[in-house]
């Protein structure tokens, strides 16, 4: 009978529903595939009159799942129906854990997030449902989530509040409703008690950090395009400015970043970085040391557009060679694209010995960066230092010693021997063992024997 009832509900056939309920009202409490009751099914189908029919029966035969708040109903019906559900026992802080079961398409209004009914209403981008739930007392920050345990299951690994979801999807109209100007939200916006996984790992990002990320996850990145289209950049700016006006501090970072700009450099779009650099007459422009760190992040993530944007907005004050040396020392072992190195070749410290980073570039198979550093920086390809056993090898010597165990060492040897105008010391001052200087041929024979 439940299958027949759900079929009638889906097709909005009131006469058939009344006929079944008169003969077996308890079927309202039965659950079908996906744990759908008739009331929940009617709500998701957007049939207001059918949902009303399923609601007006004795209490013991009526489902009252809060997550069934009718986001697809006509706007004028939503407040009435939401109020009736709450009056009959629906929990405003009920929490879904299997929303993915209802995400049947990329633009689905259901199943986009786990959380409270208000979070579902925000995910559905339904202004009427958001207003109705707030009027009934729903909490936009979902403080009750801190008392609900999380685990290592993907669907229950962490909690997403309605405000957080609106921020990550740049739904500034909904944020205006949830965060009216009559209140000060600085404490909520600049703190984060969110944890991830059963171990309770602290979330190190602020709400502004989530705002500047290119996407919180794949679905929400696509959701921004579906919601805002060509106005997605405007939606970001509106969201960012609204949060600032409500008390968010762009420098209130307790994680690995110095400010919200550093987060945008690592995870955001280039246009977001450009906007932040020019925001409030350059208020977010970082000092030289932080700017160098942002530049290194853009290079390490191979983000040339953001790298160029940062170069265009370089600090006006002089940056010492020591800061630039830190940049090259960070980037050279990580990248193999000289496009992040050649524009700054004039920043190489002529007095600094880059030999250790030359060795690292070879070991990491960054052969283009290796060639660039060899031709542009101060370094020695034949020098070595002795260890406690009075044994030392040059860069080529170390590669040769390990060439039998690691195939890529042979590739590195070919890259090194391909350098132009190699000095004779590379081949004849190759290594030292107990006071004896070995040539390349000596060490090759020694390594083969032992």
Protein backbone atom coordinates (compact mmCIF):
# COMPACT_ATOMS: atom_id res chain seq x y z
CA UNK A 1 0.00 0.00 0.00
CA UNK A 2 2.90 2.37 0.71
CA UNK A 3 4.13 2.07 -2.88
CA UNK A 4 0.67 3.00 -4.14
CA UNK A 5 0.44 5.92 -1.69
CA UNK A 6 3.82 7.30 -2.76
CA UNK A 7 2.75 6.99 -6.41
CA UNK A 8 -0.40 9.00 -5.66
CA UNK A 9 1.67 11.56 -3.75
CA UNK A 10 4.18 11.92 -6.58
CA UNK A 11 1.40 12.49 -9.14
CA UNK A 12 -0.57 14.77 -6.78
CA UNK A 13 -3.75 12.65 -6.88
CA UNK A 14 -5.66 13.83 -3.81
CA UNK A 15 -8.66 11.55 -4.31
CA UNK A 16 -6.51 8.44 -4.34
CA UNK A 17 -4.57 9.62 -1.27
CA UNK A 18 -7.80 10.24 0.68
CA UNK A 19 -9.14 6.82 -0.29
CA UNK A 20 -6.00 5.03 0.99
CA UNK A 21 -5.73 7.04 4.21
CA UNK A 22 -9.39 6.45 5.14
CA UNK A 23 -8.74 2.71 5.05
CA UNK A 24 -5.23 2.63 6.54
CA UNK A 25 -4.10 5.91 8.15
CA UNK A 26 -1.02 4.25 9.71
CA UNK A 27 0.59 4.03 6.29
CA UNK A 28 1.61 7.67 6.82
CA UNK A 29 4.28 6.50 9.27
CA UNK A 30 5.69 3.83 6.97
CA UNK A 31 8.94 4.54 5.14
CA UNK A 32 9.80 3.72 1.57
CA UNK A 33 13.12 3.72 -0.32
CA UNK A 34 15.42 6.39 1.11
CA UNK A 35 13.34 6.49 4.31
CA UNK A 36 10.72 8.66 2.61
CA UNK A 37 7.37 9.03 4.34
CA UNK A 38 4.38 10.30 2.40
CA UNK A 39 4.77 13.76 3.96
CA UNK A 40 8.46 13.92 3.14
CA UNK A 41 7.79 12.73 -0.41
CA UNK A 42 5.06 15.33 -0.94
CA UNK A 43 7.32 18.07 0.34
CA UNK A 44 10.14 17.12 -2.00
CA UNK A 45 7.76 16.91 -4.94
CA UNK A 46 6.48 20.42 -4.17
CA UNK A 47 2.83 19.42 -3.86
CA UNK A 48 1.52 21.76 -1.17
CA UNK A 49 -2.06 20.52 -1.08
CA UNK A 50 -0.95 16.88 -0.98
CA UNK A 51 1.44 17.66 1.88
CA UNK A 52 -1.40 19.39 3.73
CA UNK A 53 -3.55 16.31 3.22
CA UNK A 54 -0.81 14.07 4.64
CA UNK A 55 -0.45 16.42 7.60
CA UNK A 56 -4.08 16.67 8.70
CA UNK A 57 -4.44 13.26 10.33
CA UNK A 58 -4.23 12.08 13.93
CA UNK A 59 -0.85 12.86 15.42
CA UNK A 60 0.12 9.23 15.86
CA UNK A 61 -0.23 8.80 12.07
CA UNK A 62 1.67 11.87 10.94
CA UNK A 63 5.36 12.22 10.07
CA UNK A 64 6.99 15.46 11.13
CA UNK A 65 10.53 15.37 9.78
CA UNK A 66 11.98 18.87 9.96
CA UNK A 67 14.11 18.26 6.88
CA UNK A 68 10.91 17.99 4.84
CA UNK A 69 10.25 21.73 5.05
CA UNK A 70 8.78 22.45 1.65
CA UNK A 71 11.39 24.41 -0.26
CA UNK A 72 9.58 23.68 -3.53
CA UNK A 73 6.17 24.97 -2.34
CA UNK A 74 4.89 28.36 -3.45
CA UNK A 75 6.47 31.04 -1.25
CA UNK A 76 3.17 31.99 0.37
CA UNK A 77 2.66 28.40 1.57
CA UNK A 78 6.07 27.92 3.16
CA UNK A 79 5.65 29.95 6.42
CA UNK A 80 2.31 28.32 7.18
CA UNK A 81 3.56 24.81 6.57
CA UNK A 82 6.85 25.35 8.46
CA UNK A 83 4.97 26.69 11.48
CA UNK A 84 2.57 23.75 11.44
CA UNK A 85 5.44 21.24 11.33
CA UNK A 86 7.20 22.85 14.29
CA UNK A 87 3.95 23.01 16.27
CA UNK A 88 3.54 19.27 15.75
CA UNK A 89 6.99 18.34 16.99
CA UNK A 90 9.38 18.94 14.10
CA UNK A 91 12.88 19.83 15.37
CA UNK A 92 14.41 23.02 13.96
CA UNK A 93 17.85 21.66 14.80
CA UNK A 94 17.30 18.20 13.27
CA UNK A 95 20.36 17.10 11.35
CA UNK A 96 20.58 15.07 8.16
CA UNK A 97 23.48 12.68 7.55
CA UNK A 98 22.65 11.14 4.17
CA UNK A 99 21.86 14.11 1.96
CA UNK A 100 23.74 12.63 -1.00
CA UNK A 101 20.87 10.17 -1.47
CA UNK A 102 18.71 13.05 -2.73
CA UNK A 103 21.26 14.78 -4.96
CA UNK A 104 19.93 13.42 -8.22
CA UNK A 105 21.31 16.13 -10.52
CA UNK A 106 24.00 18.80 -10.61
CA UNK A 107 21.48 21.58 -9.95
CA UNK A 108 19.40 19.67 -7.39
CA UNK A 109 17.90 21.78 -4.61
CA UNK A 110 18.09 18.77 -2.30
CA UNK A 111 21.06 16.86 -1.01
CA UNK A 112 23.66 19.60 -1.44
CA UNK A 113 24.71 19.56 2.19
CA UNK A 114 24.12 17.76 5.44
CA UNK A 115 22.87 19.84 8.30
CA UNK A 116 19.80 21.52 9.74
CA UNK A 117 16.62 22.46 7.84
CA UNK A 118 17.95 26.02 7.59
CA UNK A 119 21.12 24.70 5.94
CA UNK A 120 18.94 22.83 3.44
CA UNK A 121 16.95 26.00 2.75
CA UNK A 122 20.17 27.95 2.15
CA UNK A 123 21.46 25.21 -0.15
CA UNK A 124 18.18 25.41 -2.08
CA UNK A 125 18.66 29.21 -2.32
CA UNK A 126 15.09 29.66 -1.11
CA UNK A 127 14.62 33.07 0.49
CA UNK A 128 11.07 32.35 1.70
CA UNK A 129 12.15 29.15 3.47
CA UNK A 130 15.15 30.89 5.08
CA UNK A 131 12.93 33.71 6.40
CA UNK A 132 10.30 31.27 7.69
CA UNK A 133 12.84 29.18 9.60
CA UNK A 134 14.59 32.21 11.06
CA UNK A 135 11.22 33.56 12.26
CA UNK A 136 10.68 30.23 14.02
CA UNK A 137 14.02 30.50 15.80
CA UNK A 138 16.50 28.57 13.63
CA UNK A 139 20.17 29.24 14.39
CA UNK A 140 22.13 30.43 11.32
CA UNK A 141 25.47 29.57 12.98
CA UNK A 142 24.28 26.11 14.11
CA UNK A 143 25.95 26.33 17.53
CA UNK A 144 24.32 23.01 18.49
CA UNK A 145 26.68 21.28 16.04
CA UNK A 146 29.51 21.60 18.56
CA UNK A 147 27.66 19.07 20.75
CA UNK A 148 27.16 16.56 17.93
CA UNK A 149 29.96 14.06 17.45
CA UNK A 150 31.66 13.71 14.06
CA UNK A 151 33.45 10.66 12.70
CA UNK A 152 35.56 9.60 9.72
CA UNK A 153 32.60 8.85 7.46
CA UNK A 154 32.56 11.26 4.51
CA UNK A 155 28.98 12.42 5.18
CA UNK A 156 29.50 13.02 8.90
CA UNK A 157 33.14 14.09 8.96
CA UNK A 158 32.27 17.68 9.87
CA UNK A 159 29.32 20.06 10.21
CA UNK A 160 28.36 22.85 7.83
CA UNK A 161 26.36 25.72 9.28
CA UNK A 162 23.85 27.69 7.17
CA UNK A 163 26.09 30.77 7.35
CA UNK A 164 29.13 28.79 6.23
CA UNK A 165 27.26 27.29 3.29
CA UNK A 166 26.00 30.72 2.21
CA UNK A 167 29.54 32.10 2.44
CA UNK A 168 31.13 29.30 0.43
CA UNK A 169 28.52 29.70 -2.32
CA UNK A 170 28.57 33.54 -2.15
CA UNK A 171 24.83 33.85 -1.54
CA UNK A 172 25.02 37.33 -0.13
CA UNK A 173 21.24 37.89 -0.33
CA UNK A 174 20.69 35.07 2.15
CA UNK A 175 23.51 36.37 4.36
CA UNK A 176 21.77 39.75 4.52
CA UNK A 177 18.70 37.97 5.89
CA UNK A 178 20.59 35.75 8.35
CA UNK A 179 22.95 38.53 9.52
CA UNK A 180 20.88 41.72 9.86
CA UNK A 181 22.76 44.95 10.54
CA UNK A 182 21.08 45.36 13.92
CA UNK A 183 23.50 42.88 15.53
CA UNK A 184 27.25 42.59 15.98
CA UNK A 185 28.53 39.26 14.64
CA UNK A 186 32.27 39.82 15.03
CA UNK A 187 32.69 37.10 17.67
CA UNK A 188 30.93 34.47 15.54
CA UNK A 189 32.59 35.53 12.28
CA UNK A 190 36.11 35.63 13.72
CA UNK A 191 36.00 32.34 15.60
CA UNK A 192 35.73 28.76 14.47
CA UNK A 193 34.97 25.75 16.67
CA UNK A 194 34.55 23.44 13.68
CA UNK A 195 36.41 20.13 13.88
CA UNK A 196 37.07 17.49 11.24
CA UNK A 197 37.06 13.71 11.71
CA UNK A 198 36.92 11.44 14.71
CA UNK A 199 40.24 12.77 16.00
CA UNK A 200 38.72 16.24 16.30
CA UNK A 201 41.26 18.04 14.10
CA UNK A 202 40.68 21.78 14.42
CA UNK A 203 39.59 23.68 11.32
CA UNK A 204 42.22 26.40 10.84
CA UNK A 205 40.24 28.56 8.41
CA UNK A 206 38.15 31.60 9.21
CA UNK A 207 34.81 32.25 7.53
CA UNK A 208 36.51 34.87 5.36
CA UNK A 209 39.05 32.24 4.33
CA UNK A 210 36.18 30.10 3.05
CA UNK A 211 34.79 33.11 1.20
CA UNK A 212 37.95 33.66 -0.87
CA UNK A 213 38.55 30.03 -1.79
CA UNK A 214 37.79 29.16 -5.39
CA UNK A 215 35.56 26.33 -4.19
CA UNK A 216 34.84 24.63 -0.87
CA UNK A 217 34.32 21.39 -2.75
CA UNK A 218 33.51 20.47 -6.32
CA UNK A 219 29.74 20.64 -5.95
CA UNK A 220 29.78 24.12 -4.44
CA UNK A 221 32.22 25.42 -7.02
CA UNK A 222 29.77 24.32 -9.71
CA UNK A 223 26.92 25.67 -7.59
CA UNK A 224 28.39 29.17 -7.74
CA UNK A 225 28.38 29.11 -11.53
CA UNK A 226 24.83 27.73 -11.66
CA UNK A 227 23.61 30.33 -9.17
CA UNK A 228 25.49 33.45 -10.25
CA UNK A 229 26.57 32.83 -13.84
CA UNK A 230 28.53 35.76 -15.26
CA UNK A 231 27.97 37.68 -11.99
CA UNK A 232 30.03 35.25 -9.89
CA UNK A 233 32.78 37.84 -9.31
CA UNK A 234 30.21 40.41 -8.21
CA UNK A 235 28.69 37.81 -5.86
CA UNK A 236 32.10 37.25 -4.26
CA UNK A 237 32.65 40.99 -3.74
CA UNK A 238 29.19 41.44 -2.25
CA UNK A 239 29.74 38.51 0.11
CA UNK A 240 33.19 39.70 1.18
CA UNK A 241 32.07 43.28 1.83
CA UNK A 242 28.98 42.13 3.74
CA UNK A 243 31.13 39.99 6.05
CA UNK A 244 33.52 42.87 6.64
CA UNK A 245 30.58 45.16 7.44
CA UNK A 246 29.24 42.61 9.92
CA UNK A 247 32.53 42.47 11.82
CA UNK A 248 34.77 39.94 10.07
CA UNK A 249 38.48 40.77 10.41
CA UNK A 250 40.63 39.96 7.33
CA UNK A 251 43.67 39.69 9.61
CA UNK A 252 42.05 37.36 12.18
CA UNK A 253 43.89 34.25 11.07
CA UNK A 254 44.93 31.55 13.52
CA UNK A 255 45.97 29.00 10.93
CA UNK A 256 48.97 28.78 8.59
CA UNK A 257 48.18 32.06 6.81
CA UNK A 258 48.99 35.64 7.77
CA UNK A 259 45.76 37.05 6.35
CA UNK A 260 42.88 36.25 4.07
CA UNK A 261 45.07 37.28 1.12
CA UNK A 262 47.43 34.34 1.72
CA UNK A 263 44.45 31.97 1.61
CA UNK A 264 43.27 33.50 -1.67
CA UNK A 265 46.73 33.11 -3.21
CA UNK A 266 46.78 29.41 -2.36
CA UNK A 267 43.16 28.46 -2.98
CA UNK A 268 41.40 31.31 -4.78
CA UNK A 269 40.96 32.75 -8.25
CA UNK A 270 43.38 35.34 -9.63
CA UNK A 271 40.61 37.94 -9.83
CA UNK A 272 39.96 37.40 -6.13
CA UNK A 273 43.64 38.09 -5.40
CA UNK A 274 43.57 41.25 -7.54
CA UNK A 275 40.46 42.47 -5.73
CA UNK A 276 41.97 41.89 -2.30
CA UNK A 277 45.22 43.65 -3.24
CA UNK A 278 43.27 46.76 -4.26
CA UNK A 279 40.56 46.54 -1.57
CA UNK A 280 40.26 49.54 0.78
CA UNK A 281 43.10 51.39 -0.98
CA UNK A 282 45.55 48.54 -0.52
CA UNK A 283 44.86 47.80 3.13
CA UNK A 284 45.50 44.10 2.56
CA UNK A 285 48.77 44.56 0.69
CA UNK A 286 51.26 42.51 2.71
CA UNK A 287 54.66 43.56 4.05
CA UNK A 288 57.69 42.36 2.04
CA UNK A 289 58.21 39.11 3.97
CA UNK A 290 54.55 38.09 3.66
CA UNK A 291 54.49 39.18 -0.01
CA UNK A 292 57.50 36.95 -0.73
CA UNK A 293 55.66 34.08 0.97
CA UNK A 294 52.59 34.67 -1.22
CA UNK A 295 54.82 34.80 -4.30
CA UNK A 296 56.40 31.47 -3.33
CA UNK A 297 52.93 29.95 -2.80
CA UNK A 298 51.81 31.03 -6.28
CA UNK A 299 54.98 29.56 -7.78
CA UNK A 300 54.73 26.30 -5.80
CA UNK A 301 51.13 25.82 -7.01
CA UNK A 302 52.11 26.72 -10.61
CA UNK A 303 49.61 29.58 -10.68
CA UNK A 304 51.19 31.92 -13.21
CA UNK A 305 48.24 34.32 -13.36
CA UNK A 306 48.31 34.92 -9.61
CA UNK A 307 52.12 35.12 -9.71
CA UNK A 308 51.91 37.89 -12.33
CA UNK A 309 49.23 39.72 -10.33
CA UNK A 310 51.50 39.74 -7.27
CA UNK A 311 54.48 40.95 -9.33
CA UNK A 312 52.36 43.85 -10.59
CA UNK A 313 51.55 44.82 -6.99
CA UNK A 314 55.06 44.42 -5.55
CA UNK A 315 55.81 46.37 -2.35
CA UNK A 316 57.18 49.87 -2.82
CA UNK A 317 59.90 49.45 -0.19
CA UNK A 318 63.18 47.74 -0.99
CA UNK A 319 63.31 44.00 -0.33
CA UNK A 320 66.67 42.72 0.97
CA UNK A 321 68.54 39.91 -0.79
CA UNK A 322 67.94 37.66 2.23
CA UNK A 323 64.18 37.64 1.54
CA UNK A 324 64.73 36.88 -2.13
CA UNK A 325 67.14 34.09 -1.22
CA UNK A 326 64.39 32.57 0.92
CA UNK A 327 62.08 32.69 -2.10
CA UNK A 328 64.54 30.91 -4.39
CA UNK A 329 65.42 28.36 -1.70
CA UNK A 330 61.71 27.55 -1.29
CA UNK A 331 60.72 27.44 -4.95
CA UNK A 332 63.64 25.82 -6.78
CA UNK A 333 63.20 22.36 -5.16
CA UNK A 334 59.45 22.47 -5.89
CA UNK A 335 59.02 23.65 -9.49
CA UNK A 336 60.41 22.96 -12.92
CA UNK A 337 59.13 26.08 -14.65
CA UNK A 338 61.64 28.89 -15.17
CA UNK A 339 58.73 31.25 -15.78
CA UNK A 340 58.62 31.68 -11.99
CA UNK A 341 62.38 32.29 -11.82
CA UNK A 342 63.59 34.25 -14.86
CA UNK A 343 61.48 37.41 -14.15
CA UNK A 344 63.35 37.63 -10.82
CA UNK A 345 66.84 36.76 -12.03
CA UNK A 346 68.10 40.20 -11.03
CA UNK A 347 67.07 39.36 -7.44
CA UNK A 348 69.66 36.58 -7.08
CA UNK A 349 72.18 37.44 -4.36
CA UNK A 350 75.61 37.45 -6.08
CA UNK A 351 77.28 36.60 -2.75
CA UNK A 352 75.11 33.63 -1.79
CA UNK A 353 76.20 30.07 -2.63
CA UNK A 354 73.22 28.23 -4.17
CA UNK A 355 75.05 24.91 -4.52
CA UNK A 356 72.81 23.02 -2.01
CA UNK A 357 69.70 24.07 -3.97
CA UNK A 358 71.36 23.06 -7.22
CA UNK A 359 71.73 19.59 -5.74
CA UNK A 360 68.09 19.62 -4.52
CA UNK A 361 66.79 20.62 -7.96
CA UNK A 362 68.55 17.62 -9.49
CA UNK A 363 67.33 15.22 -6.80
CA UNK A 364 63.74 16.41 -7.32
CA UNK A 365 64.10 16.04 -11.10
CA UNK A 366 63.52 19.75 -11.68
CA UNK A 367 66.04 19.80 -14.53
CA UNK A 368 64.89 23.11 -16.06
CA UNK A 369 65.24 24.86 -12.70
CA UNK A 370 68.65 23.17 -12.28
CA UNK A 371 69.91 24.51 -15.62
CA UNK A 372 68.58 27.98 -14.87
CA UNK A 373 70.24 28.17 -11.46
CA UNK A 374 73.53 26.83 -12.82
CA UNK A 375 73.65 29.50 -15.53
CA UNK A 376 72.28 32.37 -13.42
CA UNK A 377 73.36 31.94 -9.79
CA UNK A 378 76.57 31.55 -7.86
CA UNK A 379 77.14 27.84 -7.34
CA UNK A 380 79.76 25.10 -7.73
CA UNK A 381 79.05 21.82 -9.41
CA UNK A 382 82.28 20.09 -8.37
CA UNK A 383 82.69 20.97 -4.69
CA UNK A 384 81.99 18.65 -1.78
CA UNK A 385 82.29 18.42 1.99
CA UNK A 386 83.65 15.51 4.03
CA UNK A 387 81.49 13.59 6.49
CA UNK A 388 82.69 12.09 9.81
CA UNK A 389 84.15 9.11 7.93
CA UNK A 390 86.21 11.48 5.77
CA UNK A 391 84.16 10.66 2.71
CA UNK A 392 82.64 13.23 0.41
CA UNK A 393 81.23 13.34 -3.09
CA UNK A 394 80.41 16.09 -5.54
CA UNK A 395 76.92 16.45 -6.95
CA UNK A 396 77.77 14.14 -9.85
CA UNK A 397 79.53 11.74 -7.48
CA UNK A 398 76.51 11.42 -5.24
CA UNK A 399 74.28 10.74 -8.23
CA UNK A 400 76.67 8.06 -9.47
CA UNK A 401 76.84 6.32 -6.09
CA UNK A 402 73.07 5.89 -6.00
CA UNK A 403 72.46 5.38 -9.72
CA UNK A 404 72.05 1.60 -9.40
CA UNK A 405 69.31 1.92 -6.79
CA UNK A 406 67.37 4.85 -8.32
CA UNK A 407 66.61 5.03 -12.04
CA UNK A 408 65.94 8.75 -12.00
CA UNK A 409 69.55 9.35 -10.86
CA UNK A 410 70.65 8.28 -14.32
CA UNK A 411 68.30 10.89 -15.76
CA UNK A 412 69.85 13.48 -13.45
CA UNK A 413 73.36 12.46 -14.55
CA UNK A 414 72.38 12.98 -18.20
CA UNK A 415 70.92 16.40 -17.33
CA UNK A 416 74.14 17.40 -15.54
CA UNK A 417 76.44 16.17 -18.31
CA UNK A 418 74.33 18.14 -20.79
CA UNK A 419 75.43 21.45 -19.23
CA UNK A 420 77.70 23.53 -21.48
CA UNK A 421 81.37 24.18 -20.70
CA UNK A 422 81.69 21.85 -17.72
CA UNK A 423 85.00 22.37 -15.88
CA UNK A 424 87.49 19.51 -15.69
CA UNK A 425 87.07 19.36 -11.90
CA UNK A 426 83.63 17.83 -12.46
CA UNK A 427 85.29 14.67 -13.74
CA UNK A 428 88.63 14.60 -11.93
CA UNK A 429 87.84 16.13 -8.52
CA UNK A 430 84.91 13.80 -8.10
CA UNK A 431 85.10 12.50 -4.58
CA UNK A 432 87.44 12.00 -1.63
CA UNK A 433 87.85 8.81 0.41
CA UNK A 434 90.25 8.66 3.37
CA UNK A 435 92.41 11.42 1.90
CA UNK A 436 92.46 10.04 -1.65
CA UNK A 437 90.93 12.15 -4.39
CA UNK A 438 88.89 10.04 -6.83
CA UNK A 439 88.01 10.74 -10.43
CA UNK A 440 84.71 9.80 -12.06
CA UNK A 441 86.27 6.63 -13.46
CA UNK A 442 87.64 5.66 -10.03
CA UNK A 443 84.30 6.05 -8.32
CA UNK A 444 82.43 4.26 -11.11
CA UNK A 445 84.73 1.26 -10.76
CA UNK A 446 84.57 1.39 -6.94
CA UNK A 447 80.79 1.60 -6.95
CA UNK A 448 80.49 -1.31 -9.38
CA UNK A 449 82.81 -3.48 -7.24
CA UNK A 450 81.37 -2.73 -3.82
